[in-house]
Amino acid sequence: MLLITGIEDKLEQSICHAAAIKPEKMIVLKSVFPHISQPYSDLMRDIITLVFQKKIGEILIVRSKNEQAADIDLENFLFENPQVKDKLQTIDYLFQHGNPEFPFSNLEEWLNGEKSVAQGIQQSVDLIRRHPFIPSHVKVRGFLIDTEHEKLTEIKA
């Protein structure tokens, strides 16, 4: 089993207890964001590689229900990093004209990702299921976990 989860402390332990999974029976990939933003990203490449190398039959995407979406203030970021400001015009051009490689419409959207953790999970489950390199027999499911009560809630994609 492949578990894709957030970076919070003790999240893996809560998931193992809630889903009655032995830690030695799973491989864990940690990600800052609750969504996979691009079908040919490094994270997706890791998932594909693990599916084939480790003969993964099931992928779970589990995030904490208390997880906060990223909130990067682009204006402040540019103020603190003036060297990036010069490159912003090129980056914006890529976001506007580079679809599908850049699925977000601007830099701020890309930096902050999805506002809803559940929506990010749904999109990731769908992306993995539809990916041409993921075998159709691999089950892909998404969950939110209440870490306090160690309760999983499935997110339907």
Protein backbone atom coordinates (compact mmCIF):
# COMPACT_ATOMS: atom_id res chain seq x y z
CA MET A 1 0.00 0.00 0.00
CA LEU A 2 1.16 3.50 -0.82
CA LEU A 3 0.15 6.28 1.56
CA ILE A 4 0.41 9.88 0.38
CA THR A 5 0.00 12.23 3.28
CA GLY A 6 0.88 15.59 4.76
CA ILE A 7 3.92 16.51 6.80
CA GLU A 8 2.27 16.87 10.21
CA ASP A 9 3.84 15.04 13.13
CA LYS A 10 2.20 11.78 14.18
CA LEU A 11 -0.13 11.80 11.17
CA GLU A 12 1.11 8.39 10.03
CA GLN A 13 0.47 6.89 13.45
CA SER A 14 -3.10 8.19 13.51
CA ILE A 15 -3.74 6.83 10.02
CA CYS A 16 -2.36 3.40 10.94
CA HIS A 17 -4.61 3.24 14.01
CA ALA A 18 -7.71 4.53 12.22
CA ALA A 19 -7.33 2.23 9.19
CA ALA A 20 -5.90 -0.74 11.10
CA ILE A 21 -2.82 -0.79 8.87
CA LYS A 22 0.52 -2.13 10.03
CA PRO A 23 3.21 0.51 9.37
CA GLU A 24 5.52 -2.09 7.84
CA LYS A 25 2.84 -2.83 5.21
CA MET A 26 2.90 0.65 3.69
CA ILE A 27 5.20 3.02 1.89
CA VAL A 28 4.76 6.69 2.79
CA LEU A 29 5.19 9.73 0.56
CA LYS A 30 4.84 13.09 2.27
CA SER A 31 3.73 16.23 0.50
CA VAL A 32 3.20 19.80 1.66
CA PHE A 33 0.11 20.26 -0.52
CA PRO A 34 -3.03 18.09 -0.50
CA HIS A 35 -3.17 17.95 -4.29
CA ILE A 36 -1.01 16.76 -7.12
CA SER A 37 -0.92 19.77 -9.39
CA GLN A 38 0.64 18.24 -12.49
CA PRO A 39 0.37 14.78 -14.06
CA TYR A 40 4.09 14.64 -14.86
CA SER A 41 5.50 16.22 -11.69
CA ASP A 42 8.22 14.72 -9.50
CA LEU A 43 5.58 13.51 -7.03
CA MET A 44 3.64 11.76 -9.77
CA ARG A 45 6.85 10.18 -11.07
CA ASP A 46 7.55 8.86 -7.56
CA ILE A 47 4.05 7.39 -7.37
CA ILE A 48 4.37 5.68 -10.77
CA THR A 49 7.82 4.32 -9.91
CA LEU A 50 6.63 2.90 -6.59
CA VAL A 51 3.54 1.33 -8.17
CA PHE A 52 5.74 -0.65 -10.54
CA GLN A 53 8.79 -1.31 -8.35
CA LYS A 54 6.87 -2.29 -5.22
CA LYS A 55 3.82 -3.74 -7.00
CA ILE A 56 1.46 -1.34 -5.23
CA GLY A 57 -2.19 -2.39 -5.43
CA GLU A 58 -3.73 0.45 -3.44
CA ILE A 59 -2.98 4.14 -2.99
CA LEU A 60 -4.44 6.16 -0.14
CA ILE A 61 -4.28 9.93 -0.03
CA VAL A 62 -4.93 11.00 3.54
CA ARG A 63 -4.81 14.52 4.93
CA SER A 64 -5.70 15.96 8.32
CA LYS A 65 -9.14 17.56 8.46
CA ASN A 66 -7.51 20.37 10.47
CA GLU A 67 -4.88 21.05 7.81
CA GLN A 68 -4.66 24.65 6.73
CA ALA A 69 -4.26 25.59 3.10
CA ALA A 70 -1.07 27.43 2.20
CA ASP A 71 -1.45 31.18 2.32
CA ILE A 72 1.55 32.84 0.70
CA ASP A 73 1.25 36.60 0.36
CA LEU A 74 2.65 37.15 -3.12
CA GLU A 75 3.10 40.91 -2.68
CA ASN A 76 5.12 40.40 0.49
CA PHE A 77 7.05 37.53 -1.13
CA LEU A 78 8.01 39.78 -4.06
CA PHE A 79 8.90 42.63 -1.71
CA GLU A 80 11.24 40.35 0.26
CA ASN A 81 12.66 38.80 -2.94
CA PRO A 82 13.09 41.64 -5.46
CA GLN A 83 15.16 39.45 -7.80
CA VAL A 84 12.04 37.35 -8.43
CA LYS A 85 9.95 40.37 -9.41
CA ASP A 86 11.93 40.76 -12.65
CA LYS A 87 11.01 37.20 -13.64
CA LEU A 88 7.32 37.55 -12.80
CA GLN A 89 6.32 38.67 -16.31
CA THR A 90 7.84 35.52 -17.86
CA ILE A 91 6.27 33.31 -15.20
CA ASP A 92 2.86 34.91 -15.69
CA TYR A 93 3.16 34.36 -19.46
CA LEU A 94 3.82 30.66 -18.86
CA PHE A 95 0.84 30.35 -16.56
CA GLN A 96 -1.45 32.02 -19.07
CA HIS A 97 -0.19 30.25 -22.20
CA GLY A 98 1.43 27.03 -20.98
CA ASN A 99 -1.63 24.90 -20.25
CA PRO A 100 -1.83 22.03 -19.46
CA GLU A 101 1.71 22.13 -18.08
CA PHE A 102 0.65 25.03 -15.83
CA PRO A 103 -2.86 24.15 -14.64
CA PHE A 104 -3.12 27.28 -12.49
CA SER A 105 -3.83 30.69 -13.98
CA ASN A 106 -1.21 32.68 -12.08
CA LEU A 107 1.76 32.46 -9.73
CA GLU A 108 -0.21 33.15 -6.57
CA GLU A 109 -2.68 30.34 -7.34
CA TRP A 110 0.21 27.96 -7.98
CA LEU A 111 2.06 28.94 -4.77
CA ASN A 112 -1.04 28.54 -2.60
CA GLY A 113 -2.65 25.53 -4.27
CA GLU A 114 -6.23 24.51 -3.62
CA LYS A 115 -8.07 26.37 -0.87
CA SER A 116 -9.99 23.25 0.13
CA VAL A 117 -8.08 20.22 1.38
CA ALA A 118 -10.98 17.91 0.43
CA GLN A 119 -11.07 19.36 -3.09
CA GLY A 120 -7.32 18.85 -3.41
CA ILE A 121 -7.71 15.22 -2.37
CA GLN A 122 -10.53 14.69 -4.89
CA GLN A 123 -8.46 16.17 -7.71
CA SER A 124 -5.42 14.06 -6.80
CA VAL A 125 -7.43 10.83 -6.64
CA ASP A 126 -8.93 11.62 -10.03
CA LEU A 127 -5.55 12.53 -11.54
CA ILE A 128 -3.92 9.30 -10.34
CA ARG A 129 -6.86 7.13 -11.47
CA ARG A 130 -6.83 8.66 -14.95
CA HIS A 131 -3.06 8.72 -15.37
CA PRO A 132 -2.01 6.61 -18.38
CA PHE A 133 0.87 5.00 -16.45
CA ILE A 134 -1.18 3.84 -13.47
CA PRO A 135 -2.60 0.35 -14.07
CA SER A 136 -6.39 0.16 -13.91
CA HIS A 137 -6.32 -2.48 -11.13
CA VAL A 138 -4.67 -0.05 -8.67
CA LYS A 139 -7.26 1.23 -6.20
CA VAL A 140 -6.98 4.93 -5.39
CA ARG A 141 -8.92 6.46 -2.51
CA GLY A 142 -8.84 9.71 -0.59
CA PHE A 143 -9.58 10.43 3.06
CA LEU A 144 -9.67 13.17 5.64
CA ILE A 145 -8.61 12.12 9.12
CA ASP A 146 -9.69 13.53 12.44
CA THR A 147 -6.37 12.96 14.22
CA GLU A 148 -7.83 13.68 17.65
CA HIS A 149 -10.35 10.82 17.37
CA GLU A 150 -8.41 8.81 14.76
CA LYS A 151 -11.45 8.69 12.47
CA LEU A 152 -11.20 8.48 8.67
CA THR A 153 -13.81 9.97 6.34
CA GLU A 154 -13.63 8.94 2.70
CA ILE A 155 -13.69 11.71 0.10
CA LYS A 156 -15.61 10.58 -2.97
CA ALA A 157 -13.90 11.52 -6.21
